[in-house]
Amino acid sequence: MHRLRFLALLLVLPLLTPTASAQNEQLLDTIVAVVDGEVVLHSEVVFVAQQIAQGQIATDAVYSQALDELVGQKVLLAEAQRDTTIIVEPDQVDQVLDQRLGQLTQQLGSEEALEEAYSRPIAQIRQDFRDEIEKQLLTQQIRDRKMRTVRVTPSEVQEFFDEIPAAELPEVPEIVRVAHIVRLPTPDEEAREAAVAEITAIRDTILTEAATFEDMAQRYSDDPGSRTRGGRIANVSVRDLVPEFGAVASTLEPGAVSQVFETSFGYHVMRLNERRGDMIDVNHVLIQVDDSAVDPAEAIGLLETLRDSLVTQEVPFEALAKRHSEDPFSATQGGYVTDPRTGDRNLQLALLGPQWQATVDTMSVDEVSAPAEVQLLDGTRAWHIVLLQRRTPPHTLDPITDYALLSEYALQEKRQSELVAYIGRLRERVQVMIKSDRYVAPEQRAGTLGGT
């Protein structure tokens, strides 16, 4: 595949979601491939081919590329099912299933609309998708395990760049380097008291056995990740939880229900189901404090004082950020904001979000902004002051300025190449039958859209 074509696919090819299954049912389907007993349907190939073609007509070459990708997924699945060290727990499936159904419900507007779209109740939709999601997770695990060790050297990054024709170098949007000091607003006391009252009433209802813990979590919990599972969080280490949550879990006996306790997310009540070493299985209910009713005056006042120290007394920004910022992701780094995936400090302004853009758009380099509202990575509502350290206007991809971005592209291409080779080796011991008249062999696709 042409390198620039690969770059484009990285940006626009979406992950398949269960929505595709609903579309498939409306088509007259035929089996176009069988891989170790797993079938690939014509409608599935058409769906993937449409994503690759990006609105253009999907030629036989594109259709064949899509079929190869789906066959590759089935080959990986066959290998994962043979590998006894690759295990997908039911709770993992439930978590992904909840996320997928939550996304679809949000897109369609309600669970009722989702049921109407699929012509079946939500319980049946969940059942229909469980098996497919489990297979996807198995495939993802074996792919991630194989790709985890793939790295690129600086010379490979340069080679990747050199092979892109000069006339086809992509444009990189505006890039900035920023740092910030964050303060959290004081919750409205009435809102806090209301949250405490609600979680206390929920605990009382559970203790009097007027309702089960699971029922109360499904009806009232503000934790979307566990609510549909009755508030259950299973097979998690206490070290991976916020300290307050882990501390309570560590003190409970199996079957016991905790007192109401507070974390940065809100107020909880928890039941410990099982503990094995530092691994726990719990149910919890979360009630968040209504953050629409907060008083930012204290946070804004402190930020204005800190800004004055920065501007008039030239106090180092990093020192004040480490001492005063309440953003756990950046405070220890002196307020420097980085890409959470790569650690790179060069950030595309458009991807920071509208609140950041509204602040940074009016700033000059080395300027410190006035206090402004911002939403943190975990969704927390906060206020911050921003230091704009560097601004790079939109420009043609450059191997020095955009090295981190370029290396990510080069790494993705190398991983894709390694994955194709790995699947090729696996195909030698997996039975694959292609039954499509539209299929064009890879060597016959050279130079066509989607060719390798």
Protein backbone atom coordinates (compact mmCIF):
# COMPACT_ATOMS: atom_id res chain seq x y z
CA MET A 1 0.00 0.00 0.00
CA HIS A 2 1.25 3.51 -0.78
CA ARG A 3 2.58 5.19 2.36
CA LEU A 4 0.40 8.26 2.04
CA ARG A 5 -2.66 6.11 1.42
CA PHE A 6 -1.79 4.27 4.63
CA LEU A 7 -1.59 7.59 6.52
CA ALA A 8 -5.06 8.50 5.32
CA LEU A 9 -6.51 5.16 6.41
CA LEU A 10 -5.04 5.63 9.88
CA LEU A 11 -7.07 8.81 10.26
CA VAL A 12 -10.41 7.86 8.68
CA LEU A 13 -10.98 4.09 9.00
CA PRO A 14 -13.36 3.65 11.95
CA LEU A 15 -13.58 0.63 14.20
CA LEU A 16 -16.39 -1.74 13.37
CA THR A 17 -19.29 -1.50 15.80
CA PRO A 18 -22.40 -3.65 16.23
CA THR A 19 -24.20 -1.15 13.97
CA ALA A 20 -22.74 -3.07 11.06
CA SER A 21 -24.69 -6.15 12.09
CA ALA A 22 -27.98 -4.28 11.80
CA GLN A 23 -27.04 -3.14 8.31
CA ASN A 24 -26.03 -6.69 7.37
CA GLU A 25 -29.50 -8.03 8.15
CA GLN A 26 -31.01 -5.78 5.51
CA LEU A 27 -28.85 -7.27 2.76
CA LEU A 28 -29.17 -10.53 0.88
CA ASP A 29 -26.09 -12.23 2.26
CA THR A 30 -23.79 -14.87 0.86
CA ILE A 31 -20.75 -16.52 2.39
CA VAL A 32 -17.62 -15.26 0.62
CA ALA A 33 -14.97 -16.92 2.80
CA VAL A 34 -14.62 -19.61 5.47
CA VAL A 35 -11.70 -19.50 7.91
CA ASP A 36 -11.29 -22.44 10.24
CA GLY A 37 -15.07 -22.82 10.38
CA GLU A 38 -15.74 -19.06 10.81
CA VAL A 39 -17.65 -17.49 7.92
CA VAL A 40 -17.17 -14.06 6.32
CA LEU A 41 -20.32 -12.58 4.78
CA HIS A 42 -20.57 -10.48 1.65
CA SER A 43 -22.32 -7.69 3.59
CA GLU A 44 -19.43 -7.51 6.06
CA VAL A 45 -16.95 -7.09 3.23
CA VAL A 46 -19.10 -4.40 1.60
CA PHE A 47 -19.24 -2.47 4.88
CA VAL A 48 -15.43 -2.49 5.30
CA ALA A 49 -14.87 -1.72 1.62
CA GLN A 50 -17.09 1.37 1.90
CA GLN A 51 -14.94 2.64 4.77
CA ILE A 52 -11.76 2.13 2.76
CA ALA A 53 -13.21 3.75 -0.36
CA GLN A 54 -14.19 6.88 1.62
CA GLY A 55 -17.32 7.63 -0.36
CA GLN A 56 -15.95 6.53 -3.73
CA ILE A 57 -17.07 3.45 -5.59
CA ALA A 58 -15.54 0.34 -4.04
CA THR A 59 -13.74 -1.40 -6.89
CA ASP A 60 -12.99 -5.11 -6.95
CA ALA A 61 -9.48 -4.27 -5.71
CA VAL A 62 -10.90 -2.44 -2.68
CA TYR A 63 -13.45 -5.21 -2.11
CA SER A 64 -10.58 -7.72 -2.17
CA GLN A 65 -8.54 -5.68 0.29
CA ALA A 66 -11.53 -5.56 2.64
CA LEU A 67 -11.99 -9.32 2.30
CA ASP A 68 -8.30 -9.89 3.07
CA GLU A 69 -8.60 -7.75 6.22
CA LEU A 70 -11.62 -9.70 7.47
CA VAL A 71 -9.97 -13.04 6.65
CA GLY A 72 -6.90 -11.83 8.56
CA GLN A 73 -9.07 -11.12 11.61
CA LYS A 74 -10.53 -14.63 11.44
CA VAL A 75 -7.03 -16.13 11.13
CA LEU A 76 -5.93 -14.25 14.24
CA LEU A 77 -9.07 -15.43 16.03
CA ALA A 78 -8.32 -19.05 15.16
CA GLU A 79 -4.80 -18.69 16.58
CA ALA A 80 -6.08 -16.94 19.72
CA GLN A 81 -8.62 -19.71 20.34
CA ARG A 82 -5.82 -22.29 20.16
CA ASP A 83 -3.59 -20.32 22.56
CA THR A 84 -4.54 -21.33 26.10
CA THR A 85 -2.66 -18.33 27.58
CA ILE A 86 -5.08 -15.88 25.95
CA ILE A 87 -8.18 -15.55 28.12
CA VAL A 88 -11.10 -13.14 27.95
CA GLU A 89 -13.02 -12.84 31.21
CA PRO A 90 -16.82 -12.39 31.12
CA ASP A 91 -16.43 -9.05 32.90
CA GLN A 92 -14.21 -7.79 30.06
CA VAL A 93 -16.91 -8.68 27.57
CA ASP A 94 -19.55 -6.97 29.72
CA GLN A 95 -17.48 -3.80 29.96
CA VAL A 96 -16.95 -3.51 26.20
CA LEU A 97 -20.56 -4.48 25.55
CA ASP A 98 -21.75 -1.74 27.91
CA GLN A 99 -19.54 0.81 26.16
CA ARG A 100 -20.72 -0.19 22.68
CA LEU A 101 -24.39 -0.21 23.61
CA GLY A 102 -23.96 3.07 25.47
CA GLN A 103 -22.45 4.67 22.36
CA LEU A 104 -25.24 3.34 20.16
CA THR A 105 -27.90 4.47 22.63
CA GLN A 106 -26.38 7.96 22.68
CA GLN A 107 -26.27 8.09 18.87
CA LEU A 108 -29.89 6.98 18.53
CA GLY A 109 -31.19 9.00 21.47
CA SER A 110 -32.64 6.33 23.77
CA GLU A 111 -32.77 2.60 24.52
CA GLU A 112 -36.24 2.53 22.99
CA ALA A 113 -34.82 3.87 19.71
CA LEU A 114 -32.07 1.24 19.86
CA GLU A 115 -34.62 -1.53 20.33
CA GLU A 116 -36.64 -0.18 17.42
CA ALA A 117 -33.56 -0.01 15.18
CA TYR A 118 -32.72 -3.67 15.87
CA SER A 119 -36.34 -4.89 16.14
CA ARG A 120 -35.66 -6.69 19.42
CA PRO A 121 -35.47 -5.95 23.18
CA ILE A 122 -32.24 -4.68 24.71
CA ALA A 123 -31.66 -8.00 26.51
CA GLN A 124 -31.71 -9.85 23.18
CA ILE A 125 -29.40 -7.27 21.57
CA ARG A 126 -26.89 -7.83 24.38
CA GLN A 127 -27.07 -11.58 23.92
CA ASP A 128 -26.65 -11.32 20.16
CA PHE A 129 -23.51 -9.19 20.46
CA ARG A 130 -21.77 -11.02 23.34
CA ASP A 131 -20.20 -13.75 21.22
CA GLU A 132 -18.94 -11.33 18.58
CA ILE A 133 -17.38 -9.01 21.15
CA GLU A 134 -15.65 -11.92 22.88
CA LYS A 135 -14.13 -12.90 19.54
CA GLN A 136 -13.02 -9.31 18.93
CA LEU A 137 -11.31 -9.20 22.33
CA LEU A 138 -9.51 -12.49 21.68
CA THR A 139 -8.30 -11.17 18.33
CA GLN A 140 -7.22 -7.88 19.90
CA GLN A 141 -5.20 -9.65 22.59
CA ILE A 142 -3.16 -11.77 20.19
CA ARG A 143 -2.62 -8.80 17.86
CA ASP A 144 -1.51 -6.54 20.71
CA ARG A 145 0.83 -9.20 22.07
CA LYS A 146 2.52 -9.55 18.68
CA MET A 147 2.75 -5.80 18.02
CA ARG A 148 3.89 -4.78 21.51
CA THR A 149 7.57 -5.38 20.76
CA VAL A 150 7.64 -3.61 17.38
CA ARG A 151 9.73 -0.41 17.47
CA VAL A 152 11.05 2.07 14.90
CA THR A 153 14.51 3.57 14.78
CA PRO A 154 15.26 7.20 13.78
CA SER A 155 16.64 5.94 10.46
CA GLU A 156 13.37 4.08 9.76
CA VAL A 157 11.39 7.24 10.54
CA GLN A 158 13.57 9.20 8.10
CA GLU A 159 13.18 6.48 5.48
CA PHE A 160 9.42 6.60 5.92
CA PHE A 161 9.46 10.37 5.35
CA ASP A 162 11.82 10.16 2.34
CA GLU A 163 9.48 7.78 0.53
CA ILE A 164 6.55 10.24 0.60
CA PRO A 165 6.60 12.26 -2.66
CA ALA A 166 7.22 15.94 -1.94
CA ALA A 167 4.04 16.95 -3.75
CA GLU A 168 2.00 14.62 -1.54
CA LEU A 169 3.30 15.64 1.89
CA PRO A 170 0.25 16.23 4.13
CA GLU A 171 -0.55 19.50 5.89
CA VAL A 172 -0.21 19.47 9.68
CA PRO A 173 -2.71 21.65 11.59
CA GLU A 174 -1.61 24.34 14.06
CA ILE A 175 0.54 22.91 16.86
CA VAL A 176 1.07 24.37 20.33
CA ARG A 177 3.03 23.68 23.47
CA VAL A 178 1.16 24.64 26.61
CA ALA A 179 1.30 24.33 30.37
CA HIS A 180 -1.41 25.07 32.91
CA ILE A 181 -2.20 25.41 36.59
CA VAL A 182 -5.56 23.91 37.54
CA ARG A 183 -7.82 24.58 40.49
CA LEU A 184 -11.05 22.76 41.27
CA PRO A 185 -14.08 24.84 42.25
CA THR A 186 -15.78 24.47 45.61
CA PRO A 187 -18.95 22.39 45.24
CA ASP A 188 -22.15 24.11 46.28
CA GLU A 189 -22.89 23.00 49.85
CA GLU A 190 -26.52 22.27 49.05
CA ALA A 191 -25.48 20.09 46.12
CA ARG A 192 -22.99 18.23 48.33
CA GLU A 193 -25.61 17.70 51.03
CA ALA A 194 -28.10 16.46 48.45
CA ALA A 195 -25.56 13.90 47.16
CA VAL A 196 -24.79 12.69 50.68
CA ALA A 197 -28.49 12.40 51.48
CA GLU A 198 -29.15 10.37 48.33
CA ILE A 199 -26.28 7.91 48.81
CA THR A 200 -27.22 7.50 52.49
CA ALA A 201 -30.82 6.67 51.56
CA ILE A 202 -29.55 4.15 49.00
CA ARG A 203 -27.36 2.47 51.65
CA ASP A 204 -30.28 2.32 54.10
CA THR A 205 -32.48 0.72 51.45
CA ILE A 206 -29.83 -1.94 50.78
CA LEU A 207 -29.28 -2.70 54.48
CA THR A 208 -33.01 -3.10 55.14
CA GLU A 209 -33.20 -5.43 52.12
CA ALA A 210 -35.95 -3.34 50.58
CA ALA A 211 -33.96 -3.66 47.35
CA THR A 212 -30.82 -5.48 46.25
CA PHE A 213 -27.47 -3.74 45.87
CA GLU A 214 -27.54 -4.56 42.13
CA ASP A 215 -30.99 -3.06 41.67
CA MET A 216 -30.06 0.19 43.41
CA ALA A 217 -26.88 0.50 41.35
CA GLN A 218 -28.75 -0.03 38.08
CA ARG A 219 -31.37 2.54 39.04
CA TYR A 220 -29.28 5.28 40.64
CA SER A 221 -25.51 4.95 40.17
CA ASP A 222 -23.70 7.71 38.26
CA ASP A 223 -20.91 5.33 37.19
CA PRO A 224 -21.77 4.41 33.57
CA GLY A 225 -19.00 1.81 33.42
CA SER A 226 -20.53 -0.42 36.11
CA ARG A 227 -24.17 0.68 36.36
CA THR A 228 -25.57 -1.82 33.84
CA ARG A 229 -23.74 -4.64 35.69
CA GLY A 230 -25.39 -3.74 38.97
CA GLY A 231 -22.39 -1.69 40.03
CA ARG A 232 -20.00 -4.62 39.82
CA ILE A 233 -16.25 -4.10 39.38
CA ALA A 234 -14.48 -7.46 39.26
CA ASN A 235 -10.90 -8.73 39.01
CA VAL A 236 -9.26 -5.37 39.63
CA SER A 237 -6.20 -4.60 41.75
CA VAL A 238 -6.65 -2.14 44.62
CA ARG A 239 -3.49 -0.46 43.29
CA ASP A 240 -5.36 0.48 40.12
CA LEU A 241 -8.13 2.28 42.04
CA VAL A 242 -8.17 5.78 43.46
CA PRO A 243 -6.62 5.59 46.97
CA GLU A 244 -9.82 6.27 48.92
CA PHE A 245 -11.73 3.53 47.06
CA GLY A 246 -8.90 1.03 47.46
CA ALA A 247 -8.53 1.83 51.16
CA VAL A 248 -12.20 1.09 51.88
CA ALA A 249 -12.11 -2.12 49.83
CA SER A 250 -9.06 -3.29 51.79
CA THR A 251 -10.82 -2.94 55.16
CA LEU A 252 -14.11 -4.69 54.37
CA GLU A 253 -14.91 -8.33 55.02
CA PRO A 254 -16.52 -10.31 52.17
CA GLY A 255 -20.25 -9.60 52.09
CA ALA A 256 -19.97 -6.39 54.13
CA VAL A 257 -21.43 -3.06 53.00
CA SER A 258 -19.30 0.03 53.62
CA GLN A 259 -20.22 3.31 55.20
CA VAL A 260 -20.71 6.22 52.78
CA PHE A 261 -17.29 7.48 51.66
CA GLU A 262 -15.99 10.16 49.32
CA THR A 263 -13.53 10.08 46.40
CA SER A 264 -12.73 12.66 43.74
CA PHE A 265 -15.61 11.18 41.71
CA GLY A 266 -18.30 11.71 44.35
CA TYR A 267 -19.88 9.69 47.15
CA HIS A 268 -19.93 5.88 47.22
CA VAL A 269 -21.25 2.90 49.07
CA MET A 270 -19.53 -0.42 48.40
CA ARG A 271 -20.04 -4.13 49.01
CA LEU A 272 -17.00 -6.41 48.95
CA ASN A 273 -17.78 -9.71 47.25
CA GLU A 274 -14.35 -11.35 47.24
CA ARG A 275 -10.69 -10.56 47.88
CA ARG A 276 -7.74 -12.59 46.54
CA GLY A 277 -4.49 -10.94 47.54
CA ASP A 278 -4.75 -7.41 46.19
CA MET A 279 -7.40 -8.43 43.62
CA ILE A 280 -10.97 -7.56 44.55
CA ASP A 281 -14.52 -8.08 43.33
CA VAL A 282 -16.96 -5.38 44.52
CA ASN A 283 -20.29 -3.73 43.77
CA HIS A 284 -20.65 -0.01 44.33
CA VAL A 285 -23.06 2.86 43.85
CA LEU A 286 -21.71 6.30 42.95
CA ILE A 287 -23.63 9.53 43.44
CA GLN A 288 -21.85 12.54 41.99
CA VAL A 289 -22.18 16.09 43.28
CA ASP A 290 -24.00 18.25 40.74
CA ASP A 291 -21.09 20.22 39.26
CA SER A 292 -23.42 22.69 37.57
CA ALA A 293 -23.84 24.21 41.02
CA VAL A 294 -20.29 25.11 42.03
CA ASP A 295 -18.69 28.27 43.33
CA PRO A 296 -15.53 29.01 41.30
CA ALA A 297 -14.75 32.24 43.18
CA GLU A 298 -12.08 30.73 45.45
CA ALA A 299 -10.40 28.86 42.57
CA ILE A 300 -10.44 31.94 40.33
CA GLY A 301 -9.11 34.14 43.13
CA LEU A 302 -6.12 31.88 43.75
CA LEU A 303 -5.41 31.59 40.01
CA GLU A 304 -5.44 35.40 39.68
CA THR A 305 -2.94 35.65 42.55
CA LEU A 306 -0.70 33.02 40.95
CA ARG A 307 -0.92 34.77 37.57
CA ASP A 308 0.14 38.03 39.20
CA SER A 309 3.18 36.29 40.70
CA LEU A 310 4.08 34.88 37.29
CA VAL A 311 3.67 38.15 35.42
CA THR A 312 5.04 40.71 37.86
CA GLN A 313 7.51 38.72 39.94
CA GLU A 314 8.66 36.26 37.25
CA VAL A 315 8.19 33.24 39.53
CA PRO A 316 8.91 30.00 37.59
CA PHE A 317 5.68 28.54 36.17
CA GLU A 318 6.83 24.96 36.81
CA ALA A 319 7.34 25.62 40.52
CA LEU A 320 3.87 27.07 41.02
CA ALA A 321 2.27 24.29 38.98
CA LYS A 322 3.91 21.56 41.07
CA ARG A 323 2.85 23.31 44.29
CA HIS A 324 -0.66 24.48 43.43
CA SER A 325 -2.11 22.65 40.39
CA GLU A 326 -4.86 20.10 41.07
CA ASP A 327 -4.57 18.33 37.72
CA PRO A 328 -2.95 14.95 38.53
CA PHE A 329 -1.90 14.41 34.90
CA SER A 330 0.23 17.54 34.56
CA ALA A 331 1.06 18.89 38.03
CA THR A 332 4.05 16.59 38.58
CA GLN A 333 5.44 17.68 35.20
CA GLY A 334 5.42 21.34 36.13
CA GLY A 335 2.08 21.88 34.43
CA TYR A 336 3.29 20.69 31.01
CA VAL A 337 0.42 19.24 28.97
CA THR A 338 1.34 16.15 26.94
CA ASP A 339 -0.37 13.69 24.61
CA PRO A 340 -1.50 10.89 26.98
CA ARG A 341 -0.74 8.25 24.31
CA THR A 342 2.76 9.29 23.27
CA GLY A 343 3.96 11.75 25.90
CA ASP A 344 4.67 14.30 23.15
CA ARG A 345 4.42 17.98 24.07
CA ASN A 346 3.57 19.10 20.53
CA LEU A 347 -0.24 19.13 20.49
CA GLN A 348 -2.70 19.85 17.69
CA LEU A 349 -4.72 22.80 18.95
CA ALA A 350 -7.89 21.56 17.23
CA LEU A 351 -7.75 18.33 19.26
CA LEU A 352 -7.49 20.08 22.63
CA GLY A 353 -11.15 21.05 22.52
CA PRO A 354 -13.17 24.27 22.20
CA GLN A 355 -12.41 25.56 25.71
CA TRP A 356 -8.67 25.34 25.13
CA GLN A 357 -9.00 26.87 21.67
CA ALA A 358 -11.02 29.82 22.99
CA THR A 359 -8.23 30.56 25.48
CA VAL A 360 -5.16 29.92 23.33
CA ASP A 361 -6.46 31.60 20.15
CA THR A 362 -6.14 35.05 21.75
CA MET A 363 -2.71 34.50 23.32
CA SER A 364 0.84 35.36 22.33
CA VAL A 365 3.82 33.09 22.98
CA ASP A 366 5.07 33.31 26.63
CA GLU A 367 1.80 34.93 27.72
CA VAL A 368 -0.14 33.64 30.73
CA SER A 369 -3.91 33.67 30.30
CA ALA A 370 -6.56 34.94 32.66
CA PRO A 371 -8.44 32.21 34.60
CA ALA A 372 -10.76 30.23 32.31
CA GLU A 373 -13.01 27.20 32.64
CA VAL A 374 -11.76 23.84 31.33
CA GLN A 375 -12.85 20.21 31.33
CA LEU A 376 -10.09 17.83 32.44
CA LEU A 377 -9.34 14.46 30.84
CA ASP A 378 -11.50 12.64 33.40
CA GLY A 379 -14.43 14.99 32.71
CA THR A 380 -13.94 17.07 35.86
CA ARG A 381 -15.04 20.71 35.61
CA ALA A 382 -12.20 23.05 36.63
CA TRP A 383 -10.59 26.46 36.10
CA HIS A 384 -7.02 27.08 34.95
CA ILE A 385 -4.44 29.61 33.79
CA VAL A 386 -2.50 28.69 30.66
CA LEU A 387 1.08 29.40 29.59
CA LEU A 388 1.53 29.35 25.80
CA GLN A 389 5.12 28.26 25.29
CA ARG A 390 5.20 27.68 21.53
CA ARG A 391 2.88 28.08 18.54
CA THR A 392 3.58 26.48 15.15
CA PRO A 393 1.24 27.59 12.35
CA PRO A 394 -0.28 25.06 9.92
CA HIS A 395 2.54 23.67 7.78
CA THR A 396 3.70 20.86 5.55
CA LEU A 397 4.79 17.75 7.44
CA ASP A 398 8.38 18.31 8.60
CA PRO A 399 10.70 15.53 9.87
CA ILE A 400 12.14 17.75 12.63
CA THR A 401 9.17 19.80 13.85
CA ASP A 402 6.79 16.86 13.55
CA TYR A 403 9.14 14.03 14.48
CA ALA A 404 6.84 12.53 17.13
CA LEU A 405 3.87 12.52 14.74
CA LEU A 406 5.99 11.15 11.92
CA SER A 407 7.44 8.40 14.11
CA GLU A 408 3.91 7.39 15.12
CA TYR A 409 2.95 7.07 11.45
CA ALA A 410 6.13 5.09 10.74
CA LEU A 411 5.47 2.81 13.71
CA GLN A 412 1.91 2.14 12.61
CA GLU A 413 3.09 1.24 9.10
CA LYS A 414 5.77 -1.08 10.45
CA ARG A 415 3.29 -2.73 12.78
CA GLN A 416 0.87 -3.19 9.91
CA SER A 417 3.62 -4.75 7.79
CA GLU A 418 4.66 -7.07 10.62
CA LEU A 419 1.02 -8.02 11.23
CA VAL A 420 0.44 -8.87 7.56
CA ALA A 421 3.55 -11.07 7.56
CA TYR A 422 2.45 -12.75 10.81
CA ILE A 423 -1.03 -13.46 9.45
CA GLY A 424 0.59 -14.84 6.30
CA ARG A 425 2.55 -17.35 8.39
CA LEU A 426 -0.55 -18.28 10.38
CA ARG A 427 -2.54 -18.89 7.19
CA GLU A 428 -0.23 -21.77 6.38
CA ARG A 429 -1.76 -23.79 9.23
CA VAL A 430 -5.34 -22.46 9.11
CA GLN A 431 -7.86 -23.62 6.53
CA VAL A 432 -8.95 -20.63 4.42
CA MET A 433 -11.42 -20.85 1.53
CA ILE A 434 -12.23 -17.78 -0.59
CA LYS A 435 -15.57 -18.15 -2.41
CA SER A 436 -16.03 -14.71 -3.97
CA ASP A 437 -16.04 -14.08 -7.72
CA ARG A 438 -14.95 -10.48 -7.02
CA TYR A 439 -11.75 -11.45 -5.27
CA VAL A 440 -8.54 -10.20 -6.89
CA ALA A 441 -5.23 -11.63 -5.68
CA PRO A 442 -2.85 -9.12 -4.01
CA GLU A 443 -0.23 -9.37 -6.75
CA GLN A 444 -2.86 -8.35 -9.31
CA ARG A 445 -3.86 -5.25 -7.32
CA ALA A 446 -0.54 -3.40 -7.57
CA GLY A 447 -1.07 0.25 -8.47
CA THR A 448 -4.81 0.20 -7.82
CA LEU A 449 -6.69 1.87 -4.97
CA GLY A 450 -6.18 -0.22 -1.86
CA GLY A 451 -3.47 -2.34 -3.49
CA THR A 452 -0.47 -3.52 -1.49
